[in-house]
Amino acid sequence: MKMSVIYLLIALLVPCLAKADTSSIGTIKTTKGDVTVVRNAARTPAHVGDRLYPEDILQTGTNSSTGIVFEDNTVLSLGPDTEIIISDYVFAPEKGLFSMIIQMVKGTASYLSGIIGQQSPETVEFHTPDATIGIRGTQFLVKVGI
C-alpha cells in the first residue's frame, strides 16, 4: 500500500517538476505606457527585467512600446497597439538546436537578429495574418493592420 502511494506521488510530481524547469528565453529591457504579458491565461503588467517564456503573449496599449532582448541577443521592439505570441524559441547552440517563431497578431515591430538569425536563419519565422517573413537578413520592420 505504501509503495502505491509513493508511486502515485511521484507520478503527480514529475510533470510539475518538468514545468518548473522551463528556462526563460528573454528579458524585457524597456517599457513605455501599458505593456502586458499574458502567460497561462493570466494578464500581468510588464516591467523592465521581467523574464519571458515560450508561449508568452505580449501586448502594448495605445501610445505604448516595449523592447525585448532574447537569450541569443535578438532584439525585438514593439510599437503601440501591438500583440505578438512567442510560439517557439529554442537556443541550444551546444546541441545545434535553434528556433524562433513569432506570431504577430497586430501592430508594429522592429527585429534585429541575434545568433539564431545569423547562424540558422531558416529556423526563424515571423508570422503575420497575411504572410510569413523568413529571415534572410539581419533586420526588418513590419506593420500589421487589424
Protein backbone atom coordinates (compact mmCIF):
# COMPACT_ATOMS: atom_id res chain seq x y z
CA MET A 1 0.00 0.00 0.00
CA LYS A 2 2.79 2.44 0.91
CA MET A 3 4.58 1.78 -2.37
CA SER A 4 1.40 2.54 -4.32
CA VAL A 5 1.08 5.89 -2.58
CA ILE A 6 4.75 6.69 -3.26
CA TYR A 7 4.37 5.82 -6.96
CA LEU A 8 1.24 7.93 -7.16
CA LEU A 9 3.02 10.92 -5.61
CA ILE A 10 5.97 10.54 -7.98
CA ALA A 11 3.60 10.33 -10.96
CA LEU A 12 1.89 13.53 -9.85
CA LEU A 13 5.07 15.47 -9.05
CA VAL A 14 7.21 14.66 -12.11
CA PRO A 15 5.11 16.73 -14.56
CA CYS A 16 5.15 19.66 -12.14
CA LEU A 17 8.92 19.48 -11.81
CA ALA A 18 9.31 19.40 -15.58
CA LYS A 19 7.22 22.56 -15.97
CA ALA A 20 9.16 24.34 -13.23
CA ASP A 21 12.36 23.71 -15.18
CA THR A 22 11.24 25.81 -18.18
CA SER A 23 14.02 28.25 -18.89
CA SER A 24 13.37 31.86 -19.66
CA ILE A 25 14.04 32.93 -23.23
CA GLY A 26 14.49 36.67 -22.88
CA THR A 27 14.11 39.81 -20.83
CA ILE A 28 12.02 42.94 -21.10
CA LYS A 29 14.54 45.77 -21.39
CA THR A 30 12.24 48.77 -21.85
CA THR A 31 8.59 49.61 -21.36
CA LYS A 32 6.58 52.74 -22.00
CA GLY A 33 2.90 53.01 -21.16
CA ASP A 34 0.63 49.98 -20.92
CA VAL A 35 2.56 46.77 -21.65
CA THR A 36 1.10 43.40 -20.65
CA VAL A 37 2.34 39.81 -20.61
CA VAL A 38 -0.26 37.07 -20.88
CA ARG A 39 1.01 33.75 -19.52
CA ASN A 40 -1.21 30.73 -18.87
CA ALA A 41 -4.29 32.98 -19.28
CA ALA A 42 -3.08 35.37 -16.55
CA ARG A 43 -2.53 39.01 -17.56
CA THR A 44 0.21 40.91 -15.72
CA PRO A 45 1.76 44.32 -16.31
CA ALA A 46 5.24 44.07 -17.81
CA HIS A 47 8.21 45.67 -16.07
CA VAL A 48 11.84 46.15 -17.01
CA GLY A 49 13.73 43.00 -16.03
CA ASP A 50 10.76 40.64 -16.34
CA ARG A 51 11.68 37.28 -17.87
CA LEU A 52 9.82 35.88 -20.86
CA TYR A 53 8.95 32.26 -21.63
CA PRO A 54 7.76 30.25 -24.64
CA GLU A 55 4.09 30.80 -25.43
CA ASP A 56 4.02 34.22 -23.72
CA ILE A 57 1.81 36.82 -25.37
CA LEU A 58 2.94 40.44 -25.28
CA GLN A 59 0.51 43.31 -25.76
CA THR A 60 1.09 47.04 -25.90
CA GLY A 61 -1.59 49.67 -25.49
CA THR A 62 -2.12 52.98 -27.27
CA ASN A 63 0.99 55.19 -27.02
CA SER A 64 2.90 52.24 -25.53
CA SER A 65 6.01 50.30 -26.52
CA THR A 66 8.43 47.69 -25.26
CA GLY A 67 11.87 46.36 -26.06
CA ILE A 68 12.87 42.73 -25.62
CA VAL A 69 16.28 41.06 -25.74
CA PHE A 70 16.23 37.30 -26.28
CA GLU A 71 18.88 34.89 -24.99
CA ASP A 72 20.65 34.83 -28.38
CA ASN A 73 20.79 38.67 -28.37
CA THR A 74 17.92 39.09 -30.82
CA VAL A 75 16.30 42.48 -30.21
CA LEU A 76 12.56 42.91 -30.79
CA SER A 77 10.88 46.28 -30.32
CA LEU A 78 7.10 46.55 -30.29
CA GLY A 79 5.19 49.74 -31.03
CA PRO A 80 1.73 50.91 -29.94
CA ASP A 81 -1.33 48.64 -30.14
CA THR A 82 0.78 45.56 -30.85
CA GLU A 83 0.23 41.91 -29.96
CA ILE A 84 2.68 39.06 -30.52
CA ILE A 85 2.80 35.43 -29.45
CA ILE A 86 6.16 33.77 -28.85
CA SER A 87 5.15 30.43 -30.36
CA ASP A 88 8.54 28.75 -30.16
CA TYR A 89 12.04 29.63 -29.04
CA VAL A 90 14.97 27.26 -28.75
CA PHE A 91 18.53 28.44 -28.30
CA ALA A 92 20.81 25.49 -27.58
CA PRO A 93 23.96 26.11 -29.64
CA GLU A 94 25.85 23.35 -27.80
CA LYS A 95 23.32 20.89 -29.30
CA GLY A 96 22.95 22.71 -32.62
CA LEU A 97 19.28 23.48 -31.87
CA PHE A 98 17.82 26.82 -32.95
CA SER A 99 14.26 28.03 -33.45
CA MET A 100 12.38 31.29 -33.15
CA ILE A 101 8.76 31.51 -34.24
CA ILE A 102 6.80 34.68 -33.53
CA GLN A 103 3.15 35.23 -34.43
CA MET A 104 2.28 38.87 -34.91
CA VAL A 105 -1.43 39.48 -34.46
CA LYS A 106 -1.39 43.27 -34.96
CA GLY A 107 0.75 46.37 -34.61
CA THR A 108 4.32 47.30 -35.45
CA ALA A 109 7.64 45.64 -34.72
CA SER A 110 11.32 46.10 -35.38
CA TYR A 111 13.53 43.00 -35.46
CA LEU A 112 17.32 42.86 -35.22
CA SER A 113 18.65 39.33 -35.50
CA GLY A 114 20.85 37.73 -32.90
CA ILE A 115 22.78 34.49 -33.07
CA ILE A 116 19.82 32.35 -34.21
CA GLY A 117 19.10 34.61 -37.20
CA GLN A 118 22.78 34.77 -38.11
CA GLN A 119 23.72 31.11 -37.70
CA SER A 120 20.43 29.44 -38.62
CA PRO A 121 18.22 31.93 -40.48
CA GLU A 122 15.97 29.18 -41.85
CA THR A 123 14.77 28.45 -38.29
CA VAL A 124 13.43 31.97 -37.71
CA GLU A 125 9.85 32.67 -38.77
CA PHE A 126 7.76 35.76 -38.20
CA HIS A 127 4.11 35.01 -38.97
CA THR A 128 1.60 37.74 -39.78
CA PRO A 129 -2.09 37.29 -40.70
CA ASP A 130 -1.22 37.61 -44.41
CA ALA A 131 2.31 36.21 -44.77
CA THR A 132 5.32 34.60 -43.13
CA ILE A 133 8.57 36.52 -43.06
CA GLY A 134 11.60 34.30 -43.46
CA ILE A 135 14.75 35.82 -42.03
CA ARG A 136 17.48 36.23 -44.61
CA GLY A 137 18.97 39.49 -43.42
CA THR A 138 19.69 40.93 -40.05
CA GLN A 139 16.83 43.38 -39.56
CA PHE A 140 13.34 44.32 -40.69
CA LEU A 141 10.33 46.44 -39.78
CA VAL A 142 6.78 45.17 -40.03
CA LYS A 143 3.33 46.70 -39.64
CA VAL A 144 0.19 44.57 -39.35
CA GLY A 145 -3.21 46.24 -39.53
CA ILE A 146 -6.27 44.93 -37.78
